[in-house]
Amino acid sequence: MRWVTRFATLSLSLAAAGCLGGYQPGSPGTHMDPPPVDNPPPSDPTANPSGALTARQLFDQNVLTILTSCTSCHAGTGTAGGPKFLGVTGDAYYASLTGDPRFVNNVPEQSYLITHIHAPNEGPDLNMAQDAKIIAWITQENVERALPPPPSPANVAVQELAKFGNCMTLADFTAAGMNDLQNQNTNGGPCTSCHATGAYVYLSNTPTNNFNRLKESPWLMKFALGTINTDGTFKDVEAANRFLDRGKEPGHPQYTLNTTRATALTTFFTSTYTKYKAGNCPTTPPPSP
């Protein structure tokens, strides 16, 4: 139909200019047949029927260049920089972002790409023009498929803490000296006398069992916590310090961890946190030793 309209308009223009003279349909030598309407010019198979760009095209043309300021910290592998949520290459960037509701959800303005604010000297934040391109891309993603809602800050904190737990390894646990923690004594008896069955914390006489419980909630929250900024966005995973502080609180048997055990807690948290920030941890808990 597009071709018919085009040539009908052309004919009217020529008639108005006196170019067609006494042309009558069927007059020899004067009729210009338009191309058949069933042979339109080839179209881009990736384009929307309306001619608008697809979500992937918007990403490739408008968003990929924005991410170049993020790649030095958030792409690739290893431990340098921030969490590796982008993957390795441009194709991985798209797959990683669209598979994570923190970044691509049905409220584009709440994409973590837009709402996240770096600490001073940590990295560049997006400007308003870049925000608009991100929103346009995610909006089109939501047109093409139903996106999930943005996760609440509390849910994000829980999810990130679970990732942190998945980063724990028995090798790091043992190397740090955490396999001695259950031997701490108090003025009411050894820790294992109350906590061997997992009440509040899990401290049995078997270090491997203690490790297996420590990497899971609720026991994990005595070792690490997911924190939230004042604006409600997820902040970070931080040491809970409950093993250090509990022995000084009223109502609990009193104790003070010796230097070796206190250092073990710090060492194990640091080794786990390094893996967590690198983004190279399993998405599901590894099998228990």
Protein backbone atom coordinates (compact mmCIF):
# COMPACT_ATOMS: atom_id res chain seq x y z
CA MET A 1 0.00 0.00 0.00
CA ARG A 2 2.98 2.28 0.67
CA TRP A 3 4.02 2.14 -3.03
CA VAL A 4 0.49 2.84 -4.33
CA THR A 5 0.18 5.91 -2.16
CA ARG A 6 3.57 7.20 -3.21
CA PHE A 7 2.87 6.98 -6.95
CA ALA A 8 -0.69 8.24 -6.68
CA THR A 9 0.73 11.36 -5.05
CA LEU A 10 3.33 11.66 -7.78
CA SER A 11 0.64 11.46 -10.50
CA LEU A 12 -1.41 14.22 -8.91
CA SER A 13 1.66 16.41 -8.69
CA LEU A 14 2.49 15.89 -12.34
CA ALA A 15 -1.10 16.59 -13.40
CA ALA A 16 -1.08 19.83 -11.43
CA ALA A 17 2.09 20.84 -13.24
CA GLY A 18 0.54 20.11 -16.68
CA CYS A 19 2.93 17.26 -17.36
CA LEU A 20 0.37 14.55 -18.03
CA GLY A 21 -1.65 16.49 -20.60
CA GLY A 22 -4.65 14.51 -21.82
CA TYR A 23 -3.52 11.25 -20.30
CA GLN A 24 -6.25 8.69 -20.03
CA PRO A 25 -5.89 5.29 -18.43
CA GLY A 26 -4.68 2.84 -21.09
CA SER A 27 -3.18 5.50 -23.41
CA PRO A 28 -0.10 3.94 -25.10
CA GLY A 29 3.32 5.24 -24.12
CA THR A 30 2.10 7.37 -21.24
CA HIS A 31 1.28 4.94 -18.41
CA MET A 32 3.85 4.33 -15.62
CA ASP A 33 2.98 1.22 -13.68
CA PRO A 34 4.12 1.28 -10.04
CA PRO A 35 6.00 -1.71 -8.71
CA PRO A 36 3.68 -4.49 -7.56
CA VAL A 37 2.51 -3.99 -4.00
CA ASP A 38 3.35 -7.59 -3.12
CA ASN A 39 7.08 -6.91 -3.70
CA PRO A 40 7.96 -4.16 -1.18
CA PRO A 41 11.61 -3.30 -0.52
CA PRO A 42 13.27 -5.58 2.05
CA SER A 43 12.85 -4.53 5.67
CA ASP A 44 15.07 -4.93 8.71
CA PRO A 45 13.96 -8.22 10.30
CA THR A 46 15.03 -6.97 13.75
CA ALA A 47 12.95 -3.79 13.63
CA ASN A 48 9.56 -3.40 15.22
CA PRO A 49 6.57 -3.36 12.80
CA SER A 50 6.19 0.33 13.59
CA GLY A 51 9.74 1.00 12.46
CA ALA A 52 10.91 1.83 15.99
CA LEU A 53 14.14 0.40 17.32
CA THR A 54 14.02 -2.80 19.31
CA ALA A 55 15.20 -2.88 22.90
CA ARG A 56 18.44 -4.58 21.88
CA GLN A 57 19.05 -1.96 19.20
CA LEU A 58 18.49 0.82 21.74
CA PHE A 59 20.95 -0.87 24.06
CA ASP A 60 23.60 -1.30 21.37
CA GLN A 61 23.22 2.23 19.98
CA ASN A 62 22.60 4.30 23.11
CA VAL A 63 23.50 2.38 26.25
CA LEU A 64 26.62 0.41 25.40
CA THR A 65 28.68 3.59 25.05
CA ILE A 66 27.46 4.80 28.46
CA LEU A 67 28.73 1.61 30.07
CA THR A 68 32.29 2.27 28.91
CA SER A 69 32.76 4.45 32.00
CA CYS A 70 31.72 1.48 34.18
CA THR A 71 33.80 -1.30 32.63
CA SER A 72 37.10 -0.55 34.38
CA CYS A 73 35.55 -1.53 37.73
CA HIS A 74 32.48 -3.63 36.90
CA ALA A 75 33.46 -5.78 33.89
CA GLY A 76 35.75 -8.76 33.53
CA THR A 77 36.98 -11.04 36.28
CA GLY A 78 39.26 -10.80 39.28
CA THR A 79 39.03 -8.75 42.46
CA ALA A 80 40.02 -5.24 41.34
CA GLY A 81 37.34 -2.54 41.32
CA GLY A 82 33.69 -3.06 42.25
CA PRO A 83 31.23 -5.96 41.80
CA LYS A 84 31.52 -7.56 38.35
CA PHE A 85 27.86 -7.30 37.30
CA LEU A 86 28.59 -6.59 33.63
CA GLY A 87 30.37 -9.76 32.59
CA VAL A 88 33.24 -9.71 30.09
CA THR A 89 32.10 -8.45 26.64
CA GLY A 90 29.35 -6.29 25.19
CA ASP A 91 27.09 -9.28 24.64
CA ALA A 92 27.65 -10.34 28.23
CA TYR A 93 26.76 -6.82 29.42
CA TYR A 94 23.32 -7.10 27.84
CA ALA A 95 22.66 -10.61 29.13
CA SER A 96 23.86 -9.78 32.64
CA LEU A 97 21.83 -6.59 32.97
CA THR A 98 18.60 -7.92 31.48
CA GLY A 99 18.80 -10.98 33.73
CA ASP A 100 19.06 -8.93 36.92
CA PRO A 101 15.89 -7.11 38.14
CA ARG A 102 18.02 -4.64 40.06
CA PHE A 103 19.03 -3.17 36.70
CA VAL A 104 16.15 -4.04 34.34
CA ASN A 105 12.67 -4.02 35.88
CA ASN A 106 9.18 -2.70 35.14
CA VAL A 107 9.90 0.65 36.79
CA PRO A 108 12.78 1.96 34.63
CA GLU A 109 13.42 4.94 36.91
CA GLN A 110 14.30 2.49 39.67
CA SER A 111 17.04 0.77 37.71
CA TYR A 112 20.13 0.46 39.88
CA LEU A 113 22.08 1.96 36.97
CA ILE A 114 20.24 5.21 37.70
CA THR A 115 19.62 5.13 41.43
CA HIS A 116 23.09 4.03 42.53
CA ILE A 117 25.31 6.88 43.71
CA HIS A 118 29.02 6.23 44.07
CA ALA A 119 30.92 7.34 47.13
CA PRO A 120 33.30 10.28 46.53
CA ASN A 121 36.20 9.35 44.24
CA GLU A 122 34.79 5.86 43.61
CA GLY A 123 33.43 6.34 40.10
CA PRO A 124 31.27 8.49 37.78
CA ASP A 125 27.47 8.64 38.11
CA LEU A 126 25.13 9.01 35.13
CA ASN A 127 23.96 12.46 34.00
CA MET A 128 20.37 13.34 33.06
CA ALA A 129 20.88 12.70 29.34
CA GLN A 130 22.32 9.26 30.07
CA ASP A 131 19.47 8.53 32.48
CA ALA A 132 16.99 9.29 29.68
CA LYS A 133 18.67 6.78 27.34
CA ILE A 134 18.68 4.10 30.05
CA ILE A 135 14.98 4.69 30.74
CA ALA A 136 14.09 4.59 27.03
CA TRP A 137 15.90 1.28 26.63
CA ILE A 138 14.29 -0.37 29.68
CA THR A 139 10.87 0.98 28.68
CA GLN A 140 11.19 -0.77 25.32
CA GLU A 141 12.33 -3.95 27.08
CA ASN A 142 9.07 -3.83 29.03
CA VAL A 143 7.10 -3.38 25.80
CA GLU A 144 8.65 -6.51 24.29
CA ARG A 145 8.36 -8.71 27.39
CA ALA A 146 6.91 -8.51 30.87
CA LEU A 147 9.66 -7.38 33.24
CA PRO A 148 9.73 -8.21 36.96
CA PRO A 149 9.19 -5.47 39.54
CA PRO A 150 12.22 -3.85 41.14
CA PRO A 151 13.35 -5.72 44.25
CA SER A 152 12.76 -3.89 47.51
CA PRO A 153 15.89 -2.71 49.36
CA ALA A 154 15.26 -5.26 52.09
CA ASN A 155 15.05 -8.06 49.54
CA VAL A 156 18.22 -6.84 47.85
CA ALA A 157 20.03 -6.92 51.20
CA VAL A 158 18.86 -10.48 51.81
CA GLN A 159 19.89 -11.53 48.31
CA GLU A 160 23.31 -9.93 48.61
CA LEU A 161 23.88 -11.53 52.01
CA ALA A 162 23.04 -14.91 50.50
CA LYS A 163 25.63 -14.28 47.78
CA PHE A 164 28.15 -13.46 50.49
CA GLY A 165 27.37 -16.77 52.20
CA ASN A 166 27.89 -18.60 48.90
CA CYS A 167 31.37 -17.05 48.73
CA MET A 168 32.48 -18.74 51.94
CA THR A 169 34.85 -21.67 51.56
CA LEU A 170 35.96 -24.25 54.08
CA ALA A 171 39.56 -23.64 53.01
CA ASP A 172 39.32 -19.94 53.96
CA PHE A 173 37.46 -20.84 57.15
CA THR A 174 40.22 -23.21 58.24
CA ALA A 175 43.12 -21.03 57.09
CA ALA A 176 41.75 -18.10 59.08
CA GLY A 177 41.61 -20.16 62.28
CA MET A 178 37.83 -20.20 62.52
CA ASN A 179 37.91 -23.93 63.32
CA ASP A 180 38.92 -22.98 66.89
CA LEU A 181 36.10 -20.51 67.57
CA GLN A 182 33.84 -23.06 69.28
CA ASN A 183 36.48 -23.63 71.95
CA GLN A 184 35.86 -20.22 73.50
CA ASN A 185 34.94 -20.42 77.20
CA THR A 186 32.68 -18.11 79.22
CA ASN A 187 31.94 -17.56 82.90
CA GLY A 188 28.97 -19.89 82.37
CA GLY A 189 30.80 -22.69 80.59
CA PRO A 190 31.98 -23.39 77.02
CA CYS A 191 30.05 -21.93 74.10
CA THR A 192 29.20 -25.41 72.86
CA SER A 193 27.20 -26.14 76.01
CA CYS A 194 24.42 -23.83 74.77
CA HIS A 195 24.99 -23.51 71.03
CA ALA A 196 25.81 -27.06 69.85
CA THR A 197 22.29 -27.46 68.45
CA GLY A 198 22.19 -24.07 66.70
CA ALA A 199 20.38 -21.93 69.27
CA TYR A 200 21.11 -18.31 68.26
CA VAL A 201 24.49 -19.37 66.79
CA TYR A 202 25.80 -22.77 65.76
CA LEU A 203 28.92 -23.80 67.65
CA SER A 204 29.32 -27.56 67.92
CA ASN A 205 32.48 -29.51 68.56
CA THR A 206 32.77 -30.24 64.83
CA PRO A 207 34.28 -27.27 62.90
CA THR A 208 32.97 -28.44 59.51
CA ASN A 209 29.39 -28.47 60.82
CA ASN A 210 29.92 -24.98 62.23
CA PHE A 211 31.10 -23.79 58.82
CA ASN A 212 28.10 -25.33 57.05
CA ARG A 213 25.68 -23.49 59.34
CA LEU A 214 27.58 -20.20 59.40
CA LYS A 215 27.20 -19.69 55.63
CA GLU A 216 23.38 -19.97 55.86
CA SER A 217 20.70 -17.77 57.41
CA PRO A 218 19.86 -17.16 60.19
CA TRP A 219 23.30 -18.07 61.56
CA LEU A 220 25.04 -16.07 58.83
CA MET A 221 23.56 -12.85 60.24
CA LYS A 222 25.66 -13.27 63.39
CA PHE A 223 28.73 -12.96 61.18
CA ALA A 224 27.69 -10.53 58.41
CA LEU A 225 24.77 -8.19 57.61
CA GLY A 226 23.36 -6.58 54.47
CA THR A 227 23.12 -2.83 55.07
CA ILE A 228 20.89 -0.16 53.48
CA ASN A 229 21.54 3.54 52.77
CA THR A 230 19.36 6.27 54.26
CA ASP A 231 17.56 6.63 50.90
CA GLY A 232 16.52 2.97 51.04
CA THR A 233 18.99 1.62 48.48
CA PHE A 234 21.27 -1.31 49.22
CA LYS A 235 24.62 -0.25 50.66
CA ASP A 236 26.94 -3.17 51.32
CA VAL A 237 27.65 -6.33 53.31
CA GLU A 238 29.39 -5.54 56.58
CA ALA A 239 30.79 -7.53 59.48
CA ALA A 240 28.16 -8.11 62.19
CA ASN A 241 30.68 -8.48 65.05
CA ARG A 242 28.24 -10.51 67.13
CA PHE A 243 30.87 -13.03 68.18
CA LEU A 244 33.00 -10.16 69.49
CA ASP A 245 30.26 -8.16 71.20
CA ARG A 246 27.93 -10.81 72.62
CA GLY A 247 30.20 -11.68 75.54
CA LYS A 248 30.01 -8.11 76.82
CA GLU A 249 26.20 -7.78 76.77
CA PRO A 250 24.04 -8.10 79.91
CA GLY A 251 22.16 -11.38 80.27
CA HIS A 252 24.70 -13.43 78.34
CA PRO A 253 27.61 -15.39 79.88
CA GLN A 254 30.60 -13.08 79.85
CA TYR A 255 33.69 -13.68 77.74
CA THR A 256 36.36 -11.84 75.77
CA LEU A 257 37.69 -13.43 72.60
CA ASN A 258 41.44 -13.79 72.61
CA THR A 259 43.48 -12.08 69.91
CA THR A 260 43.81 -15.22 67.81
CA ARG A 261 40.06 -15.84 67.63
CA ALA A 262 39.26 -12.16 67.04
CA THR A 263 41.80 -12.09 64.21
CA ALA A 264 40.29 -15.27 62.75
CA LEU A 265 36.90 -13.55 62.45
CA THR A 266 38.41 -10.55 60.67
CA THR A 267 40.54 -12.69 58.36
CA PHE A 268 37.67 -14.93 57.33
CA PHE A 269 35.33 -12.00 56.72
CA THR A 270 37.96 -10.23 54.60
CA SER A 271 38.74 -13.27 52.44
CA THR A 272 35.02 -13.89 51.86
CA TYR A 273 34.27 -10.21 51.22
CA THR A 274 37.05 -10.04 48.61
CA LYS A 275 35.43 -12.89 46.68
CA TYR A 276 31.98 -11.31 47.08
CA LYS A 277 33.08 -7.93 45.73
CA ALA A 278 34.74 -9.62 42.76
CA GLY A 279 31.38 -11.15 41.84
CA ASN A 280 32.84 -14.57 41.20
CA CYS A 281 30.82 -16.54 43.76
CA PRO A 282 28.31 -19.31 43.02
CA THR A 283 24.70 -18.16 42.61
CA THR A 284 23.59 -21.15 44.67
CA PRO A 285 25.26 -22.60 47.75
CA PRO A 286 28.06 -25.04 46.90
CA PRO A 287 27.69 -28.57 48.23
CA SER A 288 28.51 -28.89 51.91
CA PRO A 289 31.89 -30.44 52.66
